[in-house]
C-alpha atoms as a PDB file:
ATOM      1  CA  MET A   1       4.067 -16.692  24.651  1.00  0.00           C
ATOM      2  CA  GLU A   2       1.200 -17.547  22.365  1.00  0.00           C
ATOM      3  CA  GLU A   3      -1.745 -15.118  22.122  1.00  0.00           C
ATOM      4  CA  ILE A   4      -4.237 -17.594  23.575  1.00  0.00           C
ATOM      5  CA  GLU A   5      -2.185 -18.038  26.726  1.00  0.00           C
ATOM      6  CA  ILE A   6      -1.735 -14.259  26.982  1.00  0.00           C
ATOM      7  CA  VAL A   7      -5.499 -13.707  26.842  1.00  0.00           C
ATOM      8  CA  LYS A   8      -6.010 -16.475  29.442  1.00  0.00           C
ATOM      9  CA  GLN A   9      -3.570 -14.822  31.816  1.00  0.00           C
ATOM     10  CA  MET A  10      -5.228 -11.479  31.274  1.00  0.00           C
ATOM     11  CA  PHE A  11      -8.461 -12.748  32.785  1.00  0.00           C
ATOM     12  CA  THR A  12      -6.897 -14.815  35.595  1.00  0.00           C
ATOM     13  CA  GLU A  13      -4.184 -12.553  36.993  1.00  0.00           C
ATOM     14  CA  PRO A  14      -4.438 -12.476  40.847  1.00  0.00           C
ATOM     15  CA  LYS A  15      -5.276  -9.243  42.628  1.00  0.00           C
ATOM     16  CA  PRO A  16      -2.608  -7.513  44.771  1.00  0.00           C
ATOM     17  CA  SER A  17      -2.977  -7.552  48.563  1.00  0.00           C
ATOM     18  CA  PRO A  18      -4.863  -4.712  50.366  1.00  0.00           C
ATOM     19  CA  SER A  19      -1.631  -3.279  51.764  1.00  0.00           C
ATOM     20  CA  VAL A  20      -0.129  -3.078  48.308  1.00  0.00           C
ATOM     21  CA  LEU A  21      -3.257  -1.382  46.974  1.00  0.00           C
ATOM     22  CA  ALA A  22      -3.085   1.209  49.745  1.00  0.00           C
ATOM     23  CA  VAL A  23       0.514   2.128  48.907  1.00  0.00           C
ATOM     24  CA  GLY A  24      -0.255   2.322  45.215  1.00  0.00           C
ATOM     25  CA  ARG A  25      -3.373   4.401  45.790  1.00  0.00           C
ATOM     26  CA  GLU A  26      -1.418   6.958  47.819  1.00  0.00           C
ATOM     27  CA  ARG A  27       1.209   7.263  45.090  1.00  0.00           C
ATOM     28  CA  VAL A  28      -1.472   7.813  42.461  1.00  0.00           C
ATOM     29  CA  VAL A  29      -3.104  10.519  44.608  1.00  0.00           C
ATOM     30  CA  ARG A  30       0.230  12.305  45.118  1.00  0.00           C
ATOM     31  CA  GLY A  31       1.054  12.056  41.427  1.00  0.00           C
ATOM     32  CA  THR A  32      -2.289  13.327  40.127  1.00  0.00           C
ATOM     33  CA  ARG A  33      -3.193  15.978  42.737  1.00  0.00           C
ATOM     34  CA  GLY A  34      -4.004  19.249  41.002  1.00  0.00           C
ATOM     35  CA  ARG A  35      -4.426  17.715  37.552  1.00  0.00           C
ATOM     36  CA  THR A  36      -7.596  17.862  35.494  1.00  0.00           C
ATOM     37  CA  ARG A  37      -9.117  14.449  34.750  1.00  0.00           C
ATOM     38  CA  ARG A  38     -10.162  13.789  31.171  1.00  0.00           C
ATOM     39  CA  ARG A  39     -12.659  11.081  30.282  1.00  0.00           C
ATOM     40  CA  ALA A  40     -11.265   8.643  27.741  1.00  0.00           C
ATOM     41  CA  ALA A  41     -13.133   8.337  24.442  1.00  0.00           C
ATOM     42  CA  PRO A  42     -14.733   4.970  23.660  1.00  0.00           C
ATOM     43  CA  PHE A  43     -12.590   2.729  21.507  1.00  0.00           C
ATOM     44  CA  TRP A  44     -14.800   2.988  18.413  1.00  0.00           C
ATOM     45  CA  ALA A  45     -14.481   6.789  18.447  1.00  0.00           C
ATOM     46  CA  ALA A  46     -10.741   6.628  17.903  1.00  0.00           C
ATOM     47  CA  GLY A  47     -11.012   6.290  14.130  1.00  0.00           C
ATOM     48  CA  VAL A  48      -7.872   4.168  13.979  1.00  0.00           C
ATOM     49  CA  ALA A  49      -7.662   0.760  12.311  1.00  0.00           C
ATOM     50  CA  LEU A  50      -6.603  -1.781  14.894  1.00  0.00           C
ATOM     51  CA  GLY A  51      -5.477  -5.382  14.421  1.00  0.00           C
ATOM     52  CA  ALA A  52      -6.773  -8.266  16.513  1.00  0.00           C
ATOM     53  CA  ALA A  53      -3.430  -9.092  18.105  1.00  0.00           C
ATOM     54  CA  ALA A  54      -3.053  -7.811  21.642  1.00  0.00           C
ATOM     55  CA  ALA A  55      -0.347  -5.212  22.134  1.00  0.00           C
ATOM     56  CA  THR A  56       2.161  -5.514  24.987  1.00  0.00           C
ATOM     57  CA  VAL A  57       3.180  -2.328  26.797  1.00  0.00           C
ATOM     58  CA  ALA A  58       5.533  -1.687  29.693  1.00  0.00           C
ATOM     59  CA  VAL A  59       3.895  -0.224  32.803  1.00  0.00           C
ATOM     60  CA  VAL A  60       5.098   0.587  36.314  1.00  0.00           C
ATOM     61  CA  THR A  61       3.144  -1.215  39.026  1.00  0.00           C
ATOM     62  CA  VAL A  62       3.420  -1.739  42.759  1.00  0.00           C
ATOM     63  CA  GLY A  63       5.403  -4.874  43.552  1.00  0.00           C
ATOM     64  CA  SER A  64       3.393  -7.929  44.588  1.00  0.00           C
ATOM     65  CA  GLY A  65       5.724  -8.863  47.463  1.00  0.00           C
ATOM     66  CA  GLY A  66       4.233  -6.298  49.850  1.00  0.00           C
ATOM     67  CA  SER A  67       7.319  -4.022  49.938  1.00  0.00           C
ATOM     68  CA  GLY A  68       5.634  -1.306  47.913  1.00  0.00           C
ATOM     69  CA  ALA A  69       8.669  -1.010  45.618  1.00  0.00           C
ATOM     70  CA  PRO A  70       7.672  -0.226  42.027  1.00  0.00           C
ATOM     71  CA  THR A  71       8.380  -2.943  39.478  1.00  0.00           C
ATOM     72  CA  THR A  72       8.137  -2.946  35.706  1.00  0.00           C
ATOM     73  CA  ARG A  73       6.077  -5.651  34.059  1.00  0.00           C
ATOM     74  CA  SER A  74       4.276  -6.273  30.789  1.00  0.00           C
ATOM     75  CA  ALA A  75       0.571  -5.480  30.566  1.00  0.00           C
ATOM     76  CA  ILE A  76      -1.850  -6.504  27.871  1.00  0.00           C
ATOM     77  CA  ARG A  77      -3.699  -3.827  25.904  1.00  0.00           C
ATOM     78  CA  LEU A  78      -6.675  -5.200  24.029  1.00  0.00           C
ATOM     79  CA  SER A  79      -7.400  -4.262  20.434  1.00  0.00           C
ATOM     80  CA  ALA A  80     -10.764  -2.714  19.605  1.00  0.00           C
ATOM     81  CA  ALA A  81     -12.072  -6.042  18.302  1.00  0.00           C
ATOM     82  CA  GLN A  82     -10.950  -7.835  21.447  1.00  0.00           C
ATOM     83  CA  GLU A  83     -12.646  -5.208  23.619  1.00  0.00           C
ATOM     84  CA  VAL A  84     -15.937  -5.877  21.830  1.00  0.00           C
ATOM     85  CA  LEU A  85     -15.557  -9.661  22.057  1.00  0.00           C
ATOM     86  CA  ALA A  86     -14.470  -9.533  25.711  1.00  0.00           C
ATOM     87  CA  GLY A  87     -17.537  -7.412  26.478  1.00  0.00           C
ATOM     88  CA  ALA A  88     -19.731  -9.841  24.531  1.00  0.00           C
ATOM     89  CA  ALA A  89     -18.241 -12.737  26.515  1.00  0.00           C
ATOM     90  CA  ARG A  90     -19.026 -11.046  29.830  1.00  0.00           C
ATOM     91  CA  ASN A  91     -22.545 -10.243  28.652  1.00  0.00           C
ATOM     92  CA  ALA A  92     -23.098 -13.873  27.585  1.00  0.00           C
ATOM     93  CA  GLU A  93     -21.977 -15.133  31.004  1.00  0.00           C
ATOM     94  CA  ARG A  94     -24.704 -13.046  32.670  1.00  0.00           C
ATOM     95  CA  GLN A  95     -27.534 -14.582  30.630  1.00  0.00           C
ATOM     96  CA  ALA A  96     -29.880 -17.179  32.113  1.00  0.00           C
ATOM     97  CA  ALA A  97     -29.347 -20.790  31.079  1.00  0.00           C
ATOM     98  CA  LEU A  98     -32.157 -22.183  28.920  1.00  0.00           C
ATOM     99  CA  ASN A  99     -33.486 -25.673  28.268  1.00  0.00           C
ATOM    100  CA  PRO A 100     -35.381 -25.163  24.982  1.00  0.00           C
ATOM    101  CA  GLN A 101     -37.801 -27.815  23.727  1.00  0.00           C
ATOM    102  CA  PRO A 102     -38.915 -28.550  20.131  1.00  0.00           C
ATOM    103  CA  SER A 103     -42.525 -27.533  20.814  1.00  0.00           C
ATOM    104  CA  GLN A 104     -41.584 -24.107  22.210  1.00  0.00           C
ATOM    105  CA  TRP A 105     -41.452 -20.945  20.131  1.00  0.00           C
ATOM    106  CA  VAL A 106     -39.115 -18.015  19.745  1.00  0.00           C
ATOM    107  CA  TYR A 107     -40.600 -14.520  19.486  1.00  0.00           C
ATOM    108  CA  TYR A 108     -38.481 -11.888  17.748  1.00  0.00           C
ATOM    109  CA  ARG A 109     -38.499  -8.376  16.388  1.00  0.00           C
ATOM    110  CA  LEU A 110     -36.343  -7.816  13.343  1.00  0.00           C
ATOM    111  CA  VAL A 111     -35.198  -4.784  11.390  1.00  0.00           C
ATOM    112  CA  GLY A 112     -33.389  -5.087   8.092  1.00  0.00           C
ATOM    113  CA  TYR A 113     -32.005  -3.325   5.046  1.00  0.00           C
ATOM    114  CA  ASP A 114     -32.333  -4.627   1.477  1.00  0.00           C
ATOM    115  CA  PRO A 115     -31.868  -2.209  -1.445  1.00  0.00           C
ATOM    116  CA  LYS A 116     -33.773  -4.584  -3.745  1.00  0.00           C
ATOM    117  CA  ARG A 117     -36.998  -4.112  -1.773  1.00  0.00           C
ATOM    118  CA  GLN A 118     -39.406  -1.280  -2.474  1.00  0.00           C
ATOM    119  CA  ASP A 119     -38.911  -0.095   1.102  1.00  0.00           C
ATOM    120  CA  HIS A 120     -35.195  -0.519   1.701  1.00  0.00           C
ATOM    121  CA  VAL A 121     -35.574  -0.506   5.479  1.00  0.00           C
ATOM    122  CA  TYR A 122     -38.161  -2.904   6.851  1.00  0.00           C
ATOM    123  CA  LYS A 123     -39.391  -4.078  10.242  1.00  0.00           C
ATOM    124  CA  TYR A 124     -41.013  -7.355  11.203  1.00  0.00           C
ATOM    125  CA  GLU A 125     -42.162  -9.261  14.259  1.00  0.00           C
ATOM    126  CA  GLY A 126     -42.910 -12.944  14.267  1.00  0.00           C
ATOM    127  CA  TRP A 127     -42.813 -16.307  15.981  1.00  0.00           C
ATOM    128  CA  GLU A 128     -41.060 -19.498  14.939  1.00  0.00           C
ATOM    129  CA  ARG A 129     -41.332 -22.950  16.453  1.00  0.00           C
ATOM    130  CA  LEU A 130     -37.937 -24.128  17.596  1.00  0.00           C
ATOM    131  CA  ASP A 131     -38.067 -27.177  15.322  1.00  0.00           C
ATOM    132  CA  ALA A 132     -38.938 -24.801  12.421  1.00  0.00           C
ATOM    133  CA  ARG A 133     -42.052 -26.788  11.482  1.00  0.00           C
ATOM    134  CA  GLN A 134     -44.305 -23.775  11.956  1.00  0.00           C
ATOM    135  CA  ASP A 135     -44.077 -20.005  12.104  1.00  0.00           C
ATOM    136  CA  ALA A 136     -46.573 -17.270  12.847  1.00  0.00           C
ATOM    137  CA  SER A 137     -47.130 -13.591  12.177  1.00  0.00           C
ATOM    138  CA  ARG A 138     -49.621 -10.895  13.069  1.00  0.00           C
ATOM    139  CA  ILE A 139     -51.936 -10.043  10.161  1.00  0.00           C
ATOM    140  CA  GLU A 140     -54.597  -7.349  10.657  1.00  0.00           C
ATOM    141  CA  GLY A 141     -54.447  -7.843  14.404  1.00  0.00           C
ATOM    142  CA  ARG A 142     -54.761 -11.646  14.290  1.00  0.00           C
ATOM    143  CA  ILE A 143     -52.046 -14.243  14.905  1.00  0.00           C
ATOM    144  CA  VAL A 144     -51.850 -16.431  11.804  1.00  0.00           C
ATOM    145  CA  VAL A 145     -49.914 -19.712  12.068  1.00  0.00           C
ATOM    146  CA  HIS A 146     -48.285 -21.169   8.962  1.00  0.00           C
ATOM    147  CA  GLY A 147     -47.322 -24.823   8.498  1.00  0.00           C
ATOM    148  CA  PRO A 148     -46.560 -27.554   9.270  1.00  0.00           C
ATOM    149  CA  ARG A 149     -43.734 -27.706   6.774  1.00  0.00           C
ATOM    150  CA  ASN A 150     -40.476 -29.507   6.099  1.00  0.00           C
ATOM    151  CA  PRO A 151     -37.926 -27.682   8.289  1.00  0.00           C
ATOM    152  CA  GLY A 152     -34.913 -28.477   6.095  1.00  0.00           C
ATOM    153  CA  PRO A 153     -31.396 -29.121   7.456  1.00  0.00           C
ATOM    154  CA  GLU A 154     -31.397 -29.206  11.265  1.00  0.00           C
ATOM    155  CA  VAL A 155     -28.533 -26.712  11.612  1.00  0.00           C
ATOM    156  CA  TYR A 156     -30.759 -24.071   9.989  1.00  0.00           C
ATOM    157  CA  THR A 157     -33.509 -24.485  12.602  1.00  0.00           C
ATOM    158  CA  PRO A 158     -33.470 -22.509  15.877  1.00  0.00           C
ATOM    159  CA  LEU A 159     -33.176 -25.615  18.052  1.00  0.00           C
ATOM    160  CA  GLY A 160     -30.768 -27.415  15.720  1.00  0.00           C
ATOM    161  CA  ALA A 161     -28.379 -24.451  15.679  1.00  0.00           C
ATOM    162  CA  TRP A 162     -28.687 -24.086  19.474  1.00  0.00           C
ATOM    163  CA  ARG A 163     -27.756 -27.751  19.927  1.00  0.00           C
ATOM    164  CA  ARG A 164     -24.847 -27.441  17.479  1.00  0.00           C
ATOM    165  CA  LEU A 165     -23.513 -24.496  19.465  1.00  0.00           C
ATOM    166  CA  ALA A 166     -24.133 -26.247  22.792  1.00  0.00           C
ATOM    167  CA  GLY A 167     -21.917 -29.128  21.673  1.00  0.00           C
ATOM    168  CA  LEU A 168     -18.872 -26.961  20.942  1.00  0.00           C
ATOM    169  CA  PRO A 169     -15.798 -27.272  23.193  1.00  0.00           C
ATOM    170  CA  THR A 170     -14.949 -24.294  25.399  1.00  0.00           C
ATOM    171  CA  GLU A 171     -11.123 -24.438  25.128  1.00  0.00           C
ATOM    172  CA  PRO A 172     -10.132 -21.750  22.571  1.00  0.00           C
ATOM    173  CA  ARG A 173      -8.028 -23.883  20.219  1.00  0.00           C
ATOM    174  CA  LYS A 174     -10.557 -26.700  20.213  1.00  0.00           C
ATOM    175  CA  MET A 175     -13.378 -24.211  19.736  1.00  0.00           C
ATOM    176  CA  LEU A 176     -11.727 -22.711  16.645  1.00  0.00           C
ATOM    177  CA  ALA A 177     -10.931 -26.160  15.255  1.00  0.00           C
ATOM    178  CA  ALA A 178     -14.580 -27.145  15.648  1.00  0.00           C
ATOM    179  CA  LEU A 179     -15.797 -23.914  14.039  1.00  0.00           C
ATOM    180  CA  ARG A 180     -13.574 -24.535  11.023  1.00  0.00           C
ATOM    181  CA  ASP A 181     -15.242 -27.915  10.460  1.00  0.00           C
ATOM    182  CA  GLN A 182     -19.012 -27.465  10.596  1.00  0.00           C
ATOM    183  CA  PRO A 183     -20.937 -29.959   8.419  1.00  0.00           C
ATOM    184  CA  GLY A 184     -23.866 -28.421   6.603  1.00  0.00           C
ATOM    185  CA  LEU A 185     -22.560 -24.859   6.736  1.00  0.00           C
ATOM    186  CA  SER A 186     -20.929 -23.427   3.644  1.00  0.00           C
ATOM    187  CA  PRO A 187     -19.310 -19.977   3.901  1.00  0.00           C
ATOM    188  CA  ASP A 188     -18.656 -19.788   0.154  1.00  0.00           C
ATOM    189  CA  ASP A 189     -16.348 -16.769   0.178  1.00  0.00           C
ATOM    190  CA  ALA A 190     -14.087 -17.747   3.078  1.00  0.00           C
ATOM    191  CA  ASP A 191     -10.500 -18.048   1.821  1.00  0.00           C
ATOM    192  CA  SER A 192      -8.712 -19.245   4.958  1.00  0.00           C
ATOM    193  CA  PRO A 193      -9.369 -21.492   7.966  1.00  0.00           C
ATOM    194  CA  ASP A 194      -9.708 -18.421  10.208  1.00  0.00           C
ATOM    195  CA  GLU A 195     -12.250 -16.856   7.853  1.00  0.00           C
ATOM    196  CA  ARG A 196     -14.162 -20.136   7.762  1.00  0.00           C
ATOM    197  CA  ALA A 197     -14.240 -20.303  11.581  1.00  0.00           C
ATOM    198  CA  PHE A 198     -15.439 -16.703  11.830  1.00  0.00           C
ATOM    199  CA  ALA A 199     -18.069 -17.126   9.100  1.00  0.00           C
ATOM    200  CA  ASN A 200     -19.395 -20.365  10.602  1.00  0.00           C
ATOM    201  CA  ALA A 201     -19.632 -18.724  14.034  1.00  0.00           C
ATOM    202  CA  GLY A 202     -21.659 -15.879  12.543  1.00  0.00           C
ATOM    203  CA  GLU A 203     -23.991 -18.245  10.709  1.00  0.00           C
ATOM    204  CA  LEU A 204     -24.615 -20.406  13.784  1.00  0.00           C
ATOM    205  CA  LEU A 205     -25.332 -17.334  15.916  1.00  0.00           C
ATOM    206  CA  TRP A 206     -27.861 -16.070  13.371  1.00  0.00           C
ATOM    207  CA  ASN A 207     -29.526 -19.480  12.955  1.00  0.00           C
ATOM    208  CA  SER A 208     -29.941 -19.745  16.738  1.00  0.00           C
ATOM    209  CA  PRO A 209     -31.977 -16.737  17.929  1.00  0.00           C
ATOM    210  CA  LEU A 210     -31.629 -18.051  21.504  1.00  0.00           C
ATOM    211  CA  GLY A 211     -27.846 -18.038  21.228  1.00  0.00           C
ATOM    212  CA  ALA A 212     -26.082 -20.826  23.111  1.00  0.00           C
ATOM    213  CA  PRO A 213     -25.564 -21.948  26.724  1.00  0.00           C
ATOM    214  CA  PRO A 214     -23.853 -18.992  28.486  1.00  0.00           C
ATOM    215  CA  LYS A 215     -20.553 -20.802  29.082  1.00  0.00           C
ATOM    216  CA  VAL A 216     -20.289 -21.889  25.444  1.00  0.00           C
ATOM    217  CA  GLN A 217     -21.287 -18.530  23.944  1.00  0.00           C
ATOM    218  CA  SER A 218     -18.782 -16.738  26.167  1.00  0.00           C
ATOM    219  CA  ALA A 219     -16.057 -19.183  25.139  1.00  0.00           C
ATOM    220  CA  LEU A 220     -16.931 -18.704  21.469  1.00  0.00           C
ATOM    221  CA  TYR A 221     -16.440 -14.932  21.702  1.00  0.00           C
ATOM    222  CA  ARG A 222     -13.143 -15.322  23.571  1.00  0.00           C
ATOM    223  CA  ALA A 223     -11.911 -17.823  20.963  1.00  0.00           C
ATOM    224  CA  LEU A 224     -12.780 -15.429  18.125  1.00  0.00           C
ATOM    225  CA  GLY A 225     -10.804 -12.763  19.982  1.00  0.00           C
ATOM    226  CA  THR A 226      -7.611 -14.751  19.380  1.00  0.00           C
ATOM    227  CA  LEU A 227      -7.971 -14.547  15.581  1.00  0.00           C
ATOM    228  CA  PRO A 228      -5.602 -12.015  13.983  1.00  0.00           C
ATOM    229  CA  GLY A 229      -6.807  -9.262  11.697  1.00  0.00           C
ATOM    230  CA  ILE A 230     -10.404  -8.783  12.846  1.00  0.00           C
ATOM    231  CA  ARG A 231     -11.689  -5.455  11.561  1.00  0.00           C
ATOM    232  CA  VAL A 232     -14.019  -3.095  13.426  1.00  0.00           C
ATOM    233  CA  ASP A 233     -16.764  -1.159  11.613  1.00  0.00           C
ATOM    234  CA  LYS A 234     -18.201   1.564  13.840  1.00  0.00           C
ATOM    235  CA  SER A 235     -20.688   2.858  11.239  1.00  0.00           C
ATOM    236  CA  PRO A 236     -24.316   3.131  12.448  1.00  0.00           C
ATOM    237  CA  ASP A 237     -26.463   0.563  10.711  1.00  0.00           C
ATOM    238  CA  ALA A 238     -28.734   1.698   7.892  1.00  0.00           C
ATOM    239  CA  VAL A 239     -31.803   0.584   9.813  1.00  0.00           C
ATOM    240  CA  GLY A 240     -31.133   3.256  12.432  1.00  0.00           C
ATOM    241  CA  GLU A 241     -29.904   0.921  15.155  1.00  0.00           C
ATOM    242  CA  PRO A 242     -26.491   1.558  16.766  1.00  0.00           C
ATOM    243  CA  ALA A 243     -24.209  -1.352  15.983  1.00  0.00           C
ATOM    244  CA  VAL A 244     -20.519  -2.193  15.861  1.00  0.00           C
ATOM    245  CA  GLY A 245     -19.513  -4.772  13.265  1.00  0.00           C
ATOM    246  CA  LEU A 246     -16.610  -7.224  13.357  1.00  0.00           C
ATOM    247  CA  SER A 247     -15.329  -9.067  10.298  1.00  0.00           C
ATOM    248  CA  LEU A 248     -12.425 -10.724   8.567  1.00  0.00           C
ATOM    249  CA  PRO A 249     -11.783 -10.306   4.828  1.00  0.00           C
ATOM    250  CA  HIS A 250     -14.420 -12.171   2.787  1.00  0.00           C
ATOM    251  CA  THR A 251     -16.821 -12.615   5.731  1.00  0.00           C
ATOM    252  CA  GLN A 252     -20.031 -10.945   6.775  1.00  0.00           C
ATOM    253  CA  GLU A 253     -19.898  -8.613   9.736  1.00  0.00           C
ATOM    254  CA  ILE A 254     -21.109  -9.910  13.092  1.00  0.00           C
ATOM    255  CA  LEU A 255     -23.021  -7.087  14.765  1.00  0.00           C
ATOM    256  CA  PHE A 256     -23.070  -6.182  18.455  1.00  0.00           C
ATOM    257  CA  ASP A 257     -24.779  -3.501  20.495  1.00  0.00           C
ATOM    258  CA  PRO A 258     -21.974  -0.991  21.243  1.00  0.00           C
ATOM    259  CA  ARG A 259     -23.271  -0.371  24.784  1.00  0.00           C
ATOM    260  CA  THR A 260     -24.252  -3.833  26.054  1.00  0.00           C
ATOM    261  CA  TYR A 261     -22.245  -5.996  23.585  1.00  0.00           C
ATOM    262  CA  GLN A 262     -25.359  -8.097  23.014  1.00  0.00           C
ATOM    263  CA  TYR A 263     -25.281 -10.012  19.705  1.00  0.00           C
ATOM    264  CA  LEU A 264     -27.586  -8.332  17.170  1.00  0.00           C
ATOM    265  CA  GLY A 265     -27.190  -9.895  13.743  1.00  0.00           C
ATOM    266  CA  ALA A 266     -25.236  -9.669  10.504  1.00  0.00           C
ATOM    267  CA  ARG A 267     -24.282  -7.108   7.894  1.00  0.00           C
ATOM    268  CA  VAL A 268     -22.931  -7.634   4.364  1.00  0.00           C
ATOM    269  CA  VAL A 269     -20.609  -4.959   2.975  1.00  0.00           C
ATOM    270  CA  SER A 270     -19.253  -5.273  -0.563  1.00  0.00           C
ATOM    271  CA  ASP A 271     -15.496  -5.647  -1.016  1.00  0.00           C
ATOM    272  CA  GLY A 272     -15.843  -4.719  -4.707  1.00  0.00           C
ATOM    273  CA  VAL A 273     -14.708  -8.175  -5.850  1.00  0.00           C
ATOM    274  CA  GLN A 274     -16.924 -10.769  -7.532  1.00  0.00           C
ATOM    275  CA  LYS A 275     -15.449 -14.216  -6.957  1.00  0.00           C
ATOM    276  CA  LYS A 276     -18.115 -16.121  -8.900  1.00  0.00           C
ATOM    277  CA  ARG A 277     -21.024 -15.391 -11.196  1.00  0.00           C
ATOM    278  CA  PRO A 278     -24.251 -14.660  -9.296  1.00  0.00           C
ATOM    279  CA  GLN A 279     -27.038 -17.191  -9.744  1.00  0.00           C
ATOM    280  CA  PRO A 280     -30.781 -16.440 -10.042  1.00  0.00           C
ATOM    281  CA  PRO A 281     -32.993 -17.298  -7.078  1.00  0.00           C
ATOM    282  CA  ALA A 282     -34.204 -20.871  -6.887  1.00  0.00           C
ATOM    283  CA  GLY A 283     -37.762 -21.682  -7.971  1.00  0.00           C
ATOM    284  CA  LEU A 284     -38.083 -19.200 -10.852  1.00  0.00           C
ATOM    285  CA  SER A 285     -39.991 -20.253 -13.934  1.00  0.00           C
ATOM    286  CA  ALA A 286     -38.091 -20.400 -17.223  1.00  0.00           C
ATOM    287  CA  THR A 287     -39.596 -17.048 -18.270  1.00  0.00           C
ATOM    288  CA  LYS A 288     -38.724 -15.299 -15.000  1.00  0.00           C
ATOM    289  CA  ARG A 289     -35.256 -16.864 -14.960  1.00  0.00           C
ATOM    290  CA  LYS A 290     -34.543 -15.493 -18.438  1.00  0.00           C
ATOM    291  CA  ALA A 291     -35.798 -12.042 -17.411  1.00  0.00           C
ATOM    292  CA  TRP A 292     -33.560 -12.148 -14.323  1.00  0.00           C
ATOM    293  CA  GLU A 293     -30.518 -13.058 -16.404  1.00  0.00           C
ATOM    294  CA  GLN A 294     -31.199 -10.167 -18.792  1.00  0.00           C
ATOM    295  CA  GLN A 295     -31.043  -7.641 -15.963  1.00  0.00           C
ATOM    296  CA  GLY A 296     -27.465  -6.380 -15.961  1.00  0.00           C
ATOM    297  CA  ALA A 297     -27.867  -4.990 -12.442  1.00  0.00           C
ATOM    298  CA  ASN A 298     -28.090  -8.542 -11.104  1.00  0.00           C
ATOM    299  CA  TYR A 299     -24.479  -9.141 -12.173  1.00  0.00           C
ATOM    300  CA  ARG A 300     -23.094  -5.747 -11.203  1.00  0.00           C
ATOM    301  CA  VAL A 301     -20.701  -5.744  -8.244  1.00  0.00           C
ATOM    302  CA  PRO A 302     -21.357  -2.874  -5.796  1.00  0.00           C
ATOM    303  CA  PRO A 303     -18.334  -0.650  -5.129  1.00  0.00           C
ATOM    304  CA  ALA A 304     -16.193  -1.571  -2.147  1.00  0.00           C
ATOM    305  CA  GLY A 305     -17.718  -0.360   1.096  1.00  0.00           C
ATOM    306  CA  THR A 306     -21.310  -0.427  -0.197  1.00  0.00           C
ATOM    307  CA  LEU A 307     -23.842  -1.822   2.243  1.00  0.00           C
ATOM    308  CA  VAL A 308     -25.458  -4.831   0.567  1.00  0.00           C
ATOM    309  CA  SER A 309     -27.794  -5.982   3.335  1.00  0.00           C
ATOM    310  CA  SER A 310     -28.232  -6.133   7.098  1.00  0.00           C
ATOM    311  CA  GLN A 311     -30.525  -7.889   9.556  1.00  0.00           C
ATOM    312  CA  LEU A 312     -30.739  -7.225  13.291  1.00  0.00           C
ATOM    313  CA  ARG A 313     -32.901  -8.889  15.902  1.00  0.00           C
ATOM    314  CA  THR A 314     -33.713  -6.176  18.424  1.00  0.00           C
ATOM    315  CA  LEU A 315     -35.685  -8.476  20.750  1.00  0.00           C
ATOM    316  CA  VAL A 316     -35.721 -12.256  21.246  1.00  0.00           C
ATOM    317  CA  LYS A 317     -37.767 -14.265  23.775  1.00  0.00           C
ATOM    318  CA  LEU A 318     -38.459 -17.936  24.403  1.00  0.00           C
ATOM    319  CA  VAL A 319     -42.253 -18.428  24.626  1.00  0.00           C
ATOM    320  CA  ASP A 320     -44.668 -21.341  24.804  1.00  0.00           C
ATOM    321  CA  LYS A 321     -47.013 -20.402  21.971  1.00  0.00           C
ATOM    322  CA  PRO A 322     -47.410 -17.862  19.162  1.00  0.00           C
ATOM    323  CA  GLY A 323     -48.920 -14.591  20.332  1.00  0.00           C
ATOM    324  CA  ASN A 324     -46.931 -14.594  23.568  1.00  0.00           C
ATOM    325  CA  ARG A 325     -44.355 -11.880  23.969  1.00  0.00           C
END
């Protein structure tokens, strides 16, 4: 059976009848009486690399026909990545549905890591209009509004990304097909269709601080859970926030809170491979561009496993005007 169908069945399997549960409960009590219970360690404490494919194990269960006779059946054991994504899906389903408007604002608190800054770890709070035509920040105790300005491509605005996500199908195969073909997004380093789907999902989630409609965001996480080879990074983030990162080769990590599975942001970790020559930032004068090109460090590839950058939104709220929290 295909993995998608297996995951579907995992979440829709009917519960046994009360009489069957009673028989099974009594057998468990008899079998465990006198034993010491040991709390299982969380999955990210195992220290074992796990693939994204679900493992099938044989277990003994109480028969569903009401006779109480034990039967052997296959059960699904989720990988670490699937546990995170399943938790994220459940968390998304519990969120309130929003109806954001272009004139509304999003308030956020952000923490980040950038080794090129004087202070590698930085914190920031700000407001952005959902159509990205204005933003605001607190300067010396006052709320200062910047803009209006040209917002750029719609998919890079909070409302544009929210609408792009809202329009995605919820069936897993169709969801992945749509994520692989996202106009205006360009995950440069993605080598495969699966990597492109994963990278596009991460970029859309970051561009939309409000996330997506609960049903769609839940479906997105469940669809990503069917991709093989997702890696789990349990390292605490450099900004001091607990985070668990998921990635495929050649993609950024998508970060989640390890307790609530709330989406947090993105982390870039070097794989030690430079696929193309880095380019200087746009807008530099000829003099500054030449100086940038003469800095050998700008072309040096960090060793594999080196943290390149990270950004996490620790709080996000939909508000009506800048200054509101």
